[in-house]
């Protein structure tokens, strides 16, 4: 957000811009009765930036801001533990990736970090987004597995715990920042603070 402010000459606090950007996403969902509606992220983020710029009375370029955010995600680095944990799991499990993402920036990030999965599902492919059950069912169909045979691992309680529960999957919540689970989110089957802490649950020594 600080980079966007610098690029566009916006006199804004980056942290405040980020909070408003997140609230704009929640506002969009509330208008649709809390049902997540699929949009490509460049379009959805441009709508959010338009809302924020209007609130702050900024003449910002919403599409340029959304494009910059996508570029930054495409260039994101892994958590240090990601590859060691995946390699430890690979001999024991089929590994798939499901993400609320567009194909372009997710695939760029995977290629950059040399990450490989048997199956990769994006919201763009499924035309659905978490926590909708449909995107999880799309993954289950591709893997030819019943949902109850899949453990979904994620770090955000609503999309990554409520979502799998909606689809009949088990979940593991990687709660890195120690946030509290809201009442509308069911208890995850596994709760850890890092991917490394997940290994003892899944691989016997």
N, C-alpha and C. Protein backbone atom coordinates (compact mmCIF):
# COMPACT_ATOMS: atom_id res chain seq x y z
N UNK A 1 0.83 -1.20 0.00
CA UNK A 1 0.00 0.00 0.00
C UNK A 1 0.87 1.26 0.00
N UNK A 2 1.99 1.21 0.71
CA UNK A 2 2.91 2.36 0.71
C UNK A 2 3.45 2.61 -0.70
N UNK A 3 3.74 1.54 -1.43
CA UNK A 3 4.24 1.69 -2.80
C UNK A 3 3.18 2.32 -3.70
N UNK A 4 1.93 1.92 -3.52
CA UNK A 4 0.83 2.50 -4.31
C UNK A 4 0.69 3.98 -4.01
N UNK A 5 0.77 4.33 -2.72
CA UNK A 5 0.70 5.75 -2.35
C UNK A 5 1.83 6.54 -3.00
N UNK A 6 3.05 5.99 -2.97
CA UNK A 6 4.19 6.67 -3.56
C UNK A 6 4.03 6.81 -5.08
N UNK A 7 3.60 5.74 -5.72
CA UNK A 7 3.46 5.76 -7.18
C UNK A 7 2.44 6.79 -7.64
N UNK A 8 1.36 6.90 -6.86
CA UNK A 8 0.25 7.77 -7.30
C UNK A 8 0.23 9.12 -6.58
N UNK A 9 1.23 9.37 -5.75
CA UNK A 9 1.29 10.65 -5.05
C UNK A 9 0.13 10.88 -4.11
N UNK A 10 -0.29 9.82 -3.42
CA UNK A 10 -1.44 9.91 -2.52
C UNK A 10 -0.97 10.23 -1.11
N UNK A 11 -1.54 11.24 -0.52
CA UNK A 11 -1.21 11.61 0.86
C UNK A 11 -2.06 10.77 1.80
N UNK A 12 -1.67 9.51 1.97
CA UNK A 12 -2.45 8.59 2.79
C UNK A 12 -1.52 7.75 3.64
N UNK A 13 -2.03 7.30 4.77
CA UNK A 13 -1.31 6.37 5.62
C UNK A 13 -1.51 4.97 5.05
N UNK A 14 -0.44 4.26 4.78
CA UNK A 14 -0.54 2.95 4.12
C UNK A 14 -1.34 1.96 4.95
N UNK A 15 -1.16 1.97 6.27
CA UNK A 15 -1.90 1.04 7.14
C UNK A 15 -3.39 1.35 7.09
N UNK A 16 -3.74 2.62 7.08
CA UNK A 16 -5.15 3.00 6.99
C UNK A 16 -5.72 2.60 5.64
N UNK A 17 -4.93 2.77 4.59
CA UNK A 17 -5.39 2.38 3.25
C UNK A 17 -5.66 0.88 3.20
N UNK A 18 -4.79 0.10 3.82
CA UNK A 18 -4.97 -1.35 3.87
C UNK A 18 -6.23 -1.73 4.63
N UNK A 19 -6.49 -1.10 5.79
CA UNK A 19 -7.70 -1.41 6.56
C UNK A 19 -8.95 -1.06 5.75
N UNK A 20 -8.94 0.07 5.10
CA UNK A 20 -10.09 0.47 4.29
C UNK A 20 -10.29 -0.48 3.11
N UNK A 21 -9.19 -0.92 2.52
CA UNK A 21 -9.25 -1.85 1.40
C UNK A 21 -9.92 -3.17 1.83
N UNK A 22 -9.54 -3.68 3.00
CA UNK A 22 -10.14 -4.91 3.51
C UNK A 22 -11.62 -4.71 3.83
N UNK A 23 -11.95 -3.58 4.44
CA UNK A 23 -13.37 -3.30 4.76
C UNK A 23 -14.20 -3.19 3.48
N UNK A 24 -13.61 -2.67 2.42
CA UNK A 24 -14.34 -2.56 1.15
C UNK A 24 -14.71 -3.94 0.62
N UNK A 25 -13.88 -4.94 0.85
CA UNK A 25 -14.20 -6.30 0.42
C UNK A 25 -15.36 -6.85 1.24
N UNK A 26 -15.35 -6.60 2.54
CA UNK A 26 -16.43 -7.07 3.41
C UNK A 26 -17.74 -6.38 3.05
N UNK A 27 -17.66 -5.09 2.71
CA UNK A 27 -18.85 -4.34 2.33
C UNK A 27 -19.46 -4.93 1.06
N UNK A 28 -18.61 -5.31 0.12
CA UNK A 28 -19.10 -5.90 -1.12
C UNK A 28 -19.83 -7.21 -0.83
N UNK A 29 -19.28 -8.02 0.07
CA UNK A 29 -19.93 -9.30 0.39
C UNK A 29 -21.24 -9.09 1.11
N UNK A 30 -21.32 -8.08 2.00
CA UNK A 30 -22.56 -7.84 2.74
C UNK A 30 -23.68 -7.44 1.79
N UNK A 31 -23.35 -6.75 0.72
CA UNK A 31 -24.36 -6.36 -0.26
C UNK A 31 -24.93 -7.58 -0.98
N UNK A 32 -24.19 -8.68 -0.97
CA UNK A 32 -24.63 -9.90 -1.62
C UNK A 32 -25.04 -10.96 -0.60
N UNK A 33 -25.54 -10.50 0.55
CA UNK A 33 -26.06 -11.39 1.58
C UNK A 33 -25.01 -12.39 2.04
N UNK A 34 -23.79 -11.96 2.13
CA UNK A 34 -22.67 -12.78 2.61
C UNK A 34 -22.33 -13.94 1.69
N UNK A 35 -22.92 -13.99 0.52
CA UNK A 35 -22.58 -15.05 -0.44
C UNK A 35 -21.42 -14.56 -1.30
N UNK A 36 -20.27 -15.23 -1.26
CA UNK A 36 -19.14 -14.76 -2.05
C UNK A 36 -19.41 -14.91 -3.54
N UNK A 37 -19.29 -13.83 -4.27
CA UNK A 37 -19.53 -13.82 -5.71
C UNK A 37 -18.19 -13.78 -6.42
N UNK A 38 -18.01 -14.69 -7.38
CA UNK A 38 -16.71 -14.75 -8.07
C UNK A 38 -16.53 -13.54 -8.98
N UNK A 39 -15.36 -12.94 -8.88
CA UNK A 39 -14.85 -11.95 -9.84
C UNK A 39 -13.36 -12.19 -9.96
N UNK A 40 -12.80 -11.92 -11.13
CA UNK A 40 -11.35 -11.89 -11.22
C UNK A 40 -10.83 -10.86 -10.23
N UNK A 41 -9.64 -11.13 -9.69
CA UNK A 41 -9.14 -10.25 -8.64
C UNK A 41 -8.76 -8.87 -9.15
N UNK A 42 -8.30 -8.77 -10.39
CA UNK A 42 -8.00 -7.43 -10.87
C UNK A 42 -9.27 -6.57 -10.88
N UNK A 43 -10.40 -7.16 -11.23
CA UNK A 43 -11.67 -6.43 -11.21
C UNK A 43 -12.14 -6.17 -9.78
N UNK A 44 -12.11 -7.19 -8.93
CA UNK A 44 -12.58 -7.04 -7.55
C UNK A 44 -11.73 -6.02 -6.80
N UNK A 45 -10.41 -6.10 -6.95
CA UNK A 45 -9.55 -5.16 -6.23
C UNK A 45 -9.70 -3.74 -6.76
N UNK A 46 -9.93 -3.60 -8.07
CA UNK A 46 -10.17 -2.26 -8.61
C UNK A 46 -11.43 -1.65 -8.00
N UNK A 47 -12.47 -2.47 -7.83
CA UNK A 47 -13.70 -1.99 -7.19
C UNK A 47 -13.42 -1.55 -5.76
N UNK A 48 -12.63 -2.35 -5.05
CA UNK A 48 -12.30 -2.00 -3.66
C UNK A 48 -11.50 -0.70 -3.60
N UNK A 49 -10.51 -0.56 -4.48
CA UNK A 49 -9.73 0.67 -4.48
C UNK A 49 -10.60 1.87 -4.86
N UNK A 50 -11.54 1.68 -5.78
CA UNK A 50 -12.43 2.77 -6.14
C UNK A 50 -13.22 3.24 -4.92
N UNK A 51 -13.71 2.29 -4.12
CA UNK A 51 -14.44 2.64 -2.90
C UNK A 51 -13.56 3.44 -1.94
N UNK A 52 -12.34 2.94 -1.76
CA UNK A 52 -11.43 3.58 -0.81
C UNK A 52 -11.05 4.98 -1.28
N UNK A 53 -10.71 5.11 -2.54
CA UNK A 53 -10.33 6.43 -3.06
C UNK A 53 -11.50 7.41 -2.98
N UNK A 54 -12.70 6.91 -3.17
CA UNK A 54 -13.88 7.78 -3.06
C UNK A 54 -14.06 8.23 -1.61
N UNK A 55 -13.88 7.31 -0.65
CA UNK A 55 -14.00 7.66 0.76
C UNK A 55 -13.01 8.75 1.14
N UNK A 56 -11.78 8.61 0.64
CA UNK A 56 -10.71 9.54 1.00
C UNK A 56 -10.65 10.76 0.08
N UNK A 57 -11.53 10.78 -0.92
CA UNK A 57 -11.57 11.87 -1.89
C UNK A 57 -10.24 12.02 -2.62
N UNK A 58 -9.69 10.87 -3.02
CA UNK A 58 -8.45 10.83 -3.78
C UNK A 58 -8.78 10.59 -5.25
N UNK A 59 -8.02 11.21 -6.11
CA UNK A 59 -8.15 10.96 -7.55
C UNK A 59 -7.17 9.86 -7.94
N UNK A 60 -7.26 8.72 -7.26
CA UNK A 60 -6.34 7.62 -7.51
C UNK A 60 -6.78 6.77 -8.68
N UNK A 61 -5.83 6.04 -9.25
CA UNK A 61 -6.10 5.13 -10.36
C UNK A 61 -6.31 3.73 -9.78
N UNK A 62 -7.57 3.32 -9.67
CA UNK A 62 -7.91 2.06 -9.01
C UNK A 62 -7.36 0.86 -9.77
N UNK A 63 -7.43 0.88 -11.10
CA UNK A 63 -6.95 -0.25 -11.88
C UNK A 63 -5.43 -0.38 -11.79
N UNK A 64 -4.73 0.74 -11.76
CA UNK A 64 -3.28 0.70 -11.61
C UNK A 64 -2.91 0.14 -10.25
N UNK A 65 -3.64 0.53 -9.21
CA UNK A 65 -3.38 0.02 -7.86
C UNK A 65 -3.62 -1.48 -7.80
N UNK A 66 -4.71 -1.95 -8.40
CA UNK A 66 -5.00 -3.38 -8.42
C UNK A 66 -3.92 -4.15 -9.17
N UNK A 67 -3.45 -3.59 -10.27
CA UNK A 67 -2.41 -4.25 -11.06
C UNK A 67 -1.11 -4.36 -10.27
N UNK A 68 -0.78 -3.31 -9.51
CA UNK A 68 0.44 -3.36 -8.71
C UNK A 68 0.33 -4.43 -7.63
N UNK A 69 -0.84 -4.54 -7.02
CA UNK A 69 -1.04 -5.56 -5.99
C UNK A 69 -0.85 -6.96 -6.57
N UNK A 70 -1.37 -7.19 -7.76
CA UNK A 70 -1.19 -8.49 -8.41
C UNK A 70 0.29 -8.77 -8.70
N UNK A 71 1.01 -7.77 -9.15
CA UNK A 71 2.44 -7.95 -9.43
C UNK A 71 3.21 -8.32 -8.18
N UNK A 72 2.86 -7.69 -7.07
CA UNK A 72 3.54 -7.98 -5.82
C UNK A 72 3.26 -9.40 -5.34
N UNK A 73 2.00 -9.87 -5.53
CA UNK A 73 1.66 -11.23 -5.15
C UNK A 73 2.37 -12.24 -6.04
N UNK A 74 2.48 -11.94 -7.31
CA UNK A 74 3.19 -12.83 -8.23
C UNK A 74 4.66 -12.97 -7.83
N UNK A 75 5.22 -11.95 -7.19
CA UNK A 75 6.61 -11.98 -6.77
C UNK A 75 6.82 -12.33 -5.32
N UNK A 76 5.79 -12.84 -4.66
CA UNK A 76 5.88 -13.13 -3.23
C UNK A 76 6.84 -14.29 -2.95
N UNK A 77 7.50 -14.23 -1.81
CA UNK A 77 8.40 -15.29 -1.37
C UNK A 77 7.65 -16.30 -0.50
N UNK A 78 8.21 -17.50 -0.41
CA UNK A 78 7.66 -18.54 0.45
C UNK A 78 8.01 -18.30 1.90
N UNK A 79 7.20 -18.86 2.81
CA UNK A 79 7.67 -19.03 4.18
C UNK A 79 8.81 -20.04 4.14
N UNK A 80 9.80 -19.86 5.01
CA UNK A 80 10.98 -20.72 4.99
C UNK A 80 10.64 -22.20 5.15
N UNK A 81 9.58 -22.48 5.90
CA UNK A 81 9.26 -23.88 6.20
C UNK A 81 8.51 -24.58 5.06
N UNK A 82 8.02 -23.83 4.06
CA UNK A 82 7.10 -24.40 3.08
C UNK A 82 7.70 -25.60 2.33
N UNK A 83 8.85 -25.42 1.71
CA UNK A 83 9.42 -26.52 0.92
C UNK A 83 9.80 -27.73 1.77
N UNK A 84 10.48 -27.55 2.92
CA UNK A 84 10.79 -28.73 3.73
C UNK A 84 9.55 -29.51 4.16
N UNK A 85 8.47 -28.81 4.50
CA UNK A 85 7.26 -29.49 4.93
C UNK A 85 6.62 -30.23 3.75
N UNK A 86 6.56 -29.59 2.60
CA UNK A 86 5.99 -30.25 1.43
C UNK A 86 6.79 -31.50 1.06
N UNK A 87 8.10 -31.40 1.11
CA UNK A 87 8.93 -32.56 0.76
C UNK A 87 8.77 -33.68 1.77
N UNK A 88 8.54 -33.34 3.04
CA UNK A 88 8.30 -34.37 4.06
C UNK A 88 6.96 -35.06 3.86
N UNK A 89 5.99 -34.33 3.35
CA UNK A 89 4.65 -34.90 3.14
C UNK A 89 4.53 -35.66 1.83
N UNK A 90 5.34 -35.29 0.85
CA UNK A 90 5.16 -35.82 -0.51
C UNK A 90 5.19 -37.35 -0.60
N UNK A 91 6.04 -38.05 0.15
CA UNK A 91 6.03 -39.52 0.04
C UNK A 91 4.78 -40.17 0.63
N UNK A 92 4.02 -39.41 1.42
CA UNK A 92 2.90 -40.00 2.15
C UNK A 92 1.52 -39.57 1.63
N UNK A 93 1.46 -38.44 0.94
CA UNK A 93 0.17 -37.87 0.56
C UNK A 93 0.20 -37.34 -0.88
N UNK A 94 -0.98 -37.29 -1.47
CA UNK A 94 -1.15 -36.54 -2.71
C UNK A 94 -1.31 -35.06 -2.32
N UNK A 95 -0.54 -34.19 -2.94
CA UNK A 95 -0.53 -32.79 -2.57
C UNK A 95 -1.18 -31.95 -3.67
N UNK A 96 -2.14 -31.15 -3.27
CA UNK A 96 -2.84 -30.27 -4.20
C UNK A 96 -2.87 -28.87 -3.61
N UNK A 97 -3.13 -27.90 -4.47
CA UNK A 97 -3.22 -26.51 -4.03
C UNK A 97 -4.56 -25.94 -4.49
N UNK A 98 -5.27 -25.31 -3.57
CA UNK A 98 -6.51 -24.60 -3.89
C UNK A 98 -6.38 -23.19 -3.36
N UNK A 99 -6.63 -22.19 -4.21
CA UNK A 99 -6.41 -20.82 -3.81
C UNK A 99 -7.45 -19.89 -4.42
N UNK A 100 -7.90 -18.92 -3.61
CA UNK A 100 -8.65 -17.80 -4.16
C UNK A 100 -7.66 -16.91 -4.91
N UNK A 101 -7.50 -17.17 -6.19
CA UNK A 101 -6.49 -16.46 -6.97
C UNK A 101 -6.86 -16.53 -8.44
N UNK A 102 -6.30 -15.61 -9.22
CA UNK A 102 -6.36 -15.70 -10.67
C UNK A 102 -5.19 -16.56 -11.14
N UNK A 103 -5.38 -17.21 -12.28
CA UNK A 103 -4.33 -18.10 -12.78
C UNK A 103 -3.00 -17.38 -12.98
N UNK A 104 -3.05 -16.16 -13.51
CA UNK A 104 -1.80 -15.52 -13.92
C UNK A 104 -0.87 -15.26 -12.74
N UNK A 105 -1.36 -14.61 -11.68
CA UNK A 105 -0.42 -14.27 -10.61
C UNK A 105 -0.10 -15.47 -9.73
N UNK A 106 -1.01 -16.44 -9.60
CA UNK A 106 -0.68 -17.63 -8.82
C UNK A 106 0.36 -18.47 -9.53
N UNK A 107 0.16 -18.72 -10.82
CA UNK A 107 1.13 -19.54 -11.56
C UNK A 107 2.51 -18.87 -11.61
N UNK A 108 2.52 -17.55 -11.72
CA UNK A 108 3.80 -16.85 -11.71
C UNK A 108 4.52 -17.04 -10.38
N UNK A 109 3.76 -16.99 -9.30
CA UNK A 109 4.35 -17.18 -7.97
C UNK A 109 4.85 -18.61 -7.79
N UNK A 110 4.07 -19.60 -8.24
CA UNK A 110 4.48 -20.99 -8.12
C UNK A 110 5.74 -21.25 -8.94
N UNK A 111 5.79 -20.74 -10.15
CA UNK A 111 6.97 -20.93 -11.00
C UNK A 111 8.20 -20.28 -10.38
N UNK A 112 8.02 -19.09 -9.87
CA UNK A 112 9.15 -18.35 -9.29
C UNK A 112 9.75 -19.10 -8.11
N UNK A 113 8.88 -19.77 -7.34
CA UNK A 113 9.33 -20.45 -6.13
C UNK A 113 9.51 -21.96 -6.33
N UNK A 114 9.41 -22.42 -7.58
CA UNK A 114 9.61 -23.84 -7.92
C UNK A 114 8.72 -24.76 -7.10
N UNK A 115 7.46 -24.38 -6.97
CA UNK A 115 6.49 -25.20 -6.24
C UNK A 115 5.68 -26.03 -7.21
N UNK A 116 5.54 -27.32 -6.91
CA UNK A 116 4.80 -28.22 -7.77
C UNK A 116 3.78 -29.01 -6.97
N UNK A 117 2.59 -29.16 -7.54
CA UNK A 117 1.51 -29.92 -6.92
C UNK A 117 0.89 -30.83 -7.98
N UNK A 118 0.30 -31.92 -7.52
CA UNK A 118 -0.40 -32.81 -8.45
C UNK A 118 -1.53 -32.07 -9.16
N UNK A 119 -2.26 -31.27 -8.41
CA UNK A 119 -3.40 -30.52 -8.95
C UNK A 119 -3.39 -29.12 -8.35
N UNK A 120 -3.66 -28.14 -9.16
CA UNK A 120 -3.79 -26.76 -8.69
C UNK A 120 -5.14 -26.22 -9.14
N UNK A 121 -5.89 -25.68 -8.19
CA UNK A 121 -7.21 -25.11 -8.48
C UNK A 121 -7.20 -23.65 -8.06
N UNK A 122 -7.65 -22.78 -8.95
CA UNK A 122 -7.82 -21.37 -8.63
C UNK A 122 -9.31 -21.03 -8.66
N UNK A 123 -9.65 -19.92 -8.05
CA UNK A 123 -11.03 -19.46 -8.13
C UNK A 123 -11.41 -19.13 -9.57
N UNK A 124 -10.43 -18.72 -10.36
CA UNK A 124 -10.71 -18.43 -11.77
C UNK A 124 -11.12 -19.70 -12.50
N UNK A 125 -10.43 -20.82 -12.24
CA UNK A 125 -10.79 -22.08 -12.89
C UNK A 125 -12.16 -22.58 -12.45
N UNK A 126 -12.41 -22.51 -11.13
CA UNK A 126 -13.64 -23.05 -10.57
C UNK A 126 -14.82 -22.10 -10.71
N UNK A 127 -14.54 -20.82 -11.02
CA UNK A 127 -15.58 -19.79 -11.08
C UNK A 127 -16.34 -19.72 -9.76
N UNK A 128 -15.60 -19.90 -8.68
CA UNK A 128 -16.15 -19.85 -7.32
C UNK A 128 -15.02 -19.49 -6.38
N UNK A 129 -15.37 -18.94 -5.23
CA UNK A 129 -14.34 -18.55 -4.26
C UNK A 129 -14.68 -19.10 -2.88
N UNK A 130 -13.62 -19.34 -2.11
CA UNK A 130 -13.81 -19.72 -0.71
C UNK A 130 -14.54 -18.60 0.03
N UNK A 131 -15.41 -18.91 0.98
CA UNK A 131 -15.70 -20.23 1.57
C UNK A 131 -16.80 -21.03 0.89
N UNK A 132 -17.18 -20.69 -0.34
CA UNK A 132 -18.19 -21.47 -1.06
C UNK A 132 -17.76 -22.93 -1.17
N UNK A 133 -18.70 -23.83 -0.95
CA UNK A 133 -18.38 -25.26 -1.04
C UNK A 133 -17.97 -25.65 -2.46
N UNK A 134 -18.43 -24.92 -3.47
CA UNK A 134 -18.24 -25.34 -4.85
C UNK A 134 -16.77 -25.43 -5.23
N UNK A 135 -15.96 -24.50 -4.77
CA UNK A 135 -14.55 -24.54 -5.16
C UNK A 135 -13.86 -25.76 -4.54
N UNK A 136 -14.25 -26.14 -3.33
CA UNK A 136 -13.69 -27.34 -2.69
C UNK A 136 -14.19 -28.61 -3.39
N UNK A 137 -15.45 -28.62 -3.78
CA UNK A 137 -15.99 -29.77 -4.50
C UNK A 137 -15.32 -29.90 -5.87
N UNK A 138 -14.98 -28.77 -6.49
CA UNK A 138 -14.25 -28.80 -7.76
C UNK A 138 -12.91 -29.52 -7.59
N UNK A 139 -12.21 -29.21 -6.51
CA UNK A 139 -10.94 -29.88 -6.22
C UNK A 139 -11.17 -31.37 -6.01
N UNK A 140 -12.18 -31.73 -5.23
CA UNK A 140 -12.44 -33.14 -4.94
C UNK A 140 -12.74 -33.92 -6.23
N UNK A 141 -13.48 -33.30 -7.15
CA UNK A 141 -13.78 -33.96 -8.42
C UNK A 141 -12.50 -34.19 -9.23
N UNK A 142 -11.61 -33.19 -9.25
CA UNK A 142 -10.36 -33.35 -10.00
C UNK A 142 -9.49 -34.44 -9.40
N UNK A 143 -9.50 -34.56 -8.08
CA UNK A 143 -8.69 -35.59 -7.41
C UNK A 143 -9.39 -36.94 -7.39
N UNK A 144 -10.68 -36.94 -7.76
CA UNK A 144 -11.49 -38.16 -7.72
C UNK A 144 -11.49 -38.76 -6.31
N UNK A 145 -11.71 -37.88 -5.34
CA UNK A 145 -11.77 -38.29 -3.94
C UNK A 145 -13.03 -37.72 -3.30
N UNK A 146 -13.62 -38.46 -2.34
CA UNK A 146 -14.72 -37.86 -1.58
C UNK A 146 -14.17 -36.74 -0.70
N UNK A 147 -14.93 -35.68 -0.47
CA UNK A 147 -14.43 -34.55 0.33
C UNK A 147 -13.88 -34.96 1.70
N UNK A 148 -14.50 -35.95 2.32
CA UNK A 148 -14.07 -36.34 3.67
C UNK A 148 -12.69 -36.97 3.69
N UNK A 149 -12.13 -37.31 2.52
CA UNK A 149 -10.78 -37.87 2.45
C UNK A 149 -9.71 -36.79 2.28
N UNK A 150 -10.13 -35.52 2.27
CA UNK A 150 -9.20 -34.42 2.00
C UNK A 150 -9.05 -33.56 3.25
N UNK A 151 -7.81 -33.24 3.60
CA UNK A 151 -7.51 -32.27 4.66
C UNK A 151 -7.08 -30.97 3.99
N UNK A 152 -7.82 -29.91 4.26
CA UNK A 152 -7.47 -28.61 3.68
C UNK A 152 -6.70 -27.79 4.71
N UNK A 153 -5.56 -27.26 4.30
CA UNK A 153 -4.69 -26.49 5.19
C UNK A 153 -4.68 -25.04 4.73
N UNK A 154 -4.97 -24.11 5.64
CA UNK A 154 -4.96 -22.70 5.29
C UNK A 154 -4.78 -21.83 6.51
N UNK A 155 -4.63 -20.52 6.29
CA UNK A 155 -4.29 -19.63 7.40
C UNK A 155 -5.34 -18.60 7.73
N UNK A 156 -6.50 -18.66 7.08
CA UNK A 156 -7.54 -17.68 7.34
C UNK A 156 -8.82 -18.40 7.73
N UNK A 157 -9.41 -18.08 8.89
CA UNK A 157 -10.47 -18.93 9.43
C UNK A 157 -11.73 -19.04 8.58
N UNK A 158 -12.20 -17.94 8.01
CA UNK A 158 -13.45 -18.04 7.24
C UNK A 158 -13.26 -18.84 5.96
N UNK A 159 -12.35 -18.44 5.06
CA UNK A 159 -12.20 -19.24 3.83
C UNK A 159 -11.60 -20.62 4.05
N UNK A 160 -10.70 -20.76 5.04
CA UNK A 160 -9.89 -21.97 5.15
C UNK A 160 -10.34 -22.94 6.24
N UNK A 161 -11.30 -22.55 7.07
CA UNK A 161 -11.88 -23.46 8.06
C UNK A 161 -13.38 -23.62 7.80
N UNK A 162 -14.09 -22.49 7.71
CA UNK A 162 -15.52 -22.56 7.39
C UNK A 162 -15.73 -23.15 6.00
N UNK A 163 -14.89 -22.75 5.04
CA UNK A 163 -15.04 -23.24 3.67
C UNK A 163 -14.97 -24.76 3.57
N UNK A 164 -13.90 -25.39 4.07
CA UNK A 164 -13.84 -26.85 4.02
C UNK A 164 -15.00 -27.51 4.77
N UNK A 165 -15.40 -26.93 5.90
CA UNK A 165 -16.53 -27.49 6.64
C UNK A 165 -17.80 -27.47 5.79
N UNK A 166 -18.00 -26.38 5.04
CA UNK A 166 -19.16 -26.29 4.15
C UNK A 166 -19.16 -27.41 3.12
N UNK A 167 -17.95 -27.86 2.75
CA UNK A 167 -17.81 -28.87 1.69
C UNK A 167 -17.66 -30.29 2.23
N UNK A 168 -17.66 -30.45 3.55
CA UNK A 168 -17.50 -31.78 4.13
C UNK A 168 -16.07 -32.24 4.26
N UNK A 169 -15.13 -31.30 4.20
CA UNK A 169 -13.71 -31.63 4.34
C UNK A 169 -13.23 -31.34 5.75
N UNK A 170 -12.14 -32.00 6.13
CA UNK A 170 -11.45 -31.66 7.36
C UNK A 170 -10.56 -30.45 7.11
N UNK A 171 -10.16 -29.78 8.19
CA UNK A 171 -9.34 -28.58 8.02
C UNK A 171 -8.23 -28.53 9.05
N UNK A 172 -7.13 -27.90 8.65
CA UNK A 172 -6.03 -27.58 9.55
C UNK A 172 -5.80 -26.07 9.44
N UNK A 173 -5.92 -25.38 10.55
CA UNK A 173 -5.78 -23.92 10.56
C UNK A 173 -4.37 -23.57 11.02
N UNK A 174 -3.59 -22.94 10.14
CA UNK A 174 -2.26 -22.44 10.49
C UNK A 174 -2.46 -21.00 10.98
N UNK A 175 -2.60 -20.86 12.28
CA UNK A 175 -2.92 -19.56 12.89
C UNK A 175 -1.62 -18.89 13.33
N UNK A 176 -0.91 -18.32 12.39
CA UNK A 176 0.41 -17.76 12.65
C UNK A 176 0.39 -16.59 13.63
N UNK A 177 -0.64 -15.79 13.58
CA UNK A 177 -0.67 -14.57 14.42
C UNK A 177 -1.49 -14.73 15.68
N UNK A 178 -2.02 -15.91 15.94
CA UNK A 178 -2.76 -16.15 17.18
C UNK A 178 -4.08 -15.41 17.28
N UNK A 179 -4.77 -15.21 16.16
CA UNK A 179 -6.05 -14.51 16.20
C UNK A 179 -7.14 -15.43 16.76
N UNK A 180 -8.22 -14.84 17.22
CA UNK A 180 -9.33 -15.61 17.78
C UNK A 180 -10.30 -16.02 16.68
N UNK A 181 -10.84 -17.21 16.82
CA UNK A 181 -11.82 -17.73 15.88
C UNK A 181 -13.20 -17.17 16.22
N UNK A 182 -13.91 -16.66 15.21
CA UNK A 182 -15.25 -16.13 15.46
C UNK A 182 -16.23 -17.27 15.66
N UNK A 183 -17.38 -16.96 16.24
CA UNK A 183 -18.36 -17.99 16.56
C UNK A 183 -18.95 -18.65 15.32
N UNK A 184 -18.96 -17.93 14.20
CA UNK A 184 -19.56 -18.51 13.00
C UNK A 184 -18.63 -19.51 12.31
N UNK A 185 -17.39 -19.58 12.78
CA UNK A 185 -16.42 -20.52 12.20
C UNK A 185 -16.33 -21.75 13.09
N UNK A 186 -16.51 -22.95 12.53
CA UNK A 186 -16.40 -24.16 13.36
C UNK A 186 -14.96 -24.41 13.80
N UNK A 187 -14.81 -25.25 14.79
CA UNK A 187 -13.46 -25.61 15.24
C UNK A 187 -12.74 -26.38 14.14
N UNK A 188 -11.50 -26.03 13.84
CA UNK A 188 -10.74 -26.83 12.87
C UNK A 188 -10.38 -28.18 13.46
N UNK A 189 -10.11 -29.14 12.61
CA UNK A 189 -9.69 -30.45 13.10
C UNK A 189 -8.28 -30.39 13.68
N UNK A 190 -7.45 -29.51 13.13
CA UNK A 190 -6.08 -29.31 13.62
C UNK A 190 -5.83 -27.81 13.68
N UNK A 191 -5.16 -27.37 14.74
CA UNK A 191 -4.81 -25.95 14.87
C UNK A 191 -3.34 -25.85 15.25
N UNK A 192 -2.56 -25.17 14.41
CA UNK A 192 -1.11 -25.05 14.63
C UNK A 192 -0.69 -23.61 14.37
N UNK A 193 0.56 -23.29 14.72
CA UNK A 193 1.08 -21.94 14.49
C UNK A 193 1.99 -21.85 13.27
N UNK A 194 2.35 -23.00 12.70
CA UNK A 194 3.21 -23.01 11.52
C UNK A 194 3.00 -24.31 10.78
N UNK A 195 3.46 -24.37 9.53
CA UNK A 195 3.39 -25.62 8.78
C UNK A 195 4.24 -26.70 9.42
N UNK A 196 5.35 -26.32 10.01
CA UNK A 196 6.22 -27.30 10.66
C UNK A 196 5.49 -28.03 11.78
N UNK A 197 4.66 -27.30 12.53
CA UNK A 197 3.90 -27.92 13.62
C UNK A 197 2.86 -28.90 13.10
N UNK A 198 2.54 -28.84 11.84
CA UNK A 198 1.56 -29.75 11.25
C UNK A 198 2.13 -31.15 11.06
N UNK A 199 3.42 -31.26 10.85
CA UNK A 199 4.03 -32.55 10.50
C UNK A 199 3.75 -33.67 11.51
N UNK A 200 3.87 -33.44 12.83
CA UNK A 200 3.62 -34.55 13.75
C UNK A 200 2.20 -35.13 13.65
N UNK A 201 1.25 -34.34 13.21
CA UNK A 201 -0.12 -34.84 13.05
C UNK A 201 -0.25 -35.76 11.84
N UNK A 202 0.63 -35.59 10.87
CA UNK A 202 0.45 -36.26 9.58
C UNK A 202 1.51 -37.30 9.24
N UNK A 203 2.67 -37.20 9.85
CA UNK A 203 3.75 -38.15 9.52
C UNK A 203 4.25 -38.75 10.81
N UNK A 204 4.12 -40.07 10.94
CA UNK A 204 4.62 -40.76 12.13
C UNK A 204 6.11 -40.96 12.00
N UNK A 205 6.77 -40.90 13.16
CA UNK A 205 8.24 -41.03 13.16
C UNK A 205 8.66 -42.45 13.50
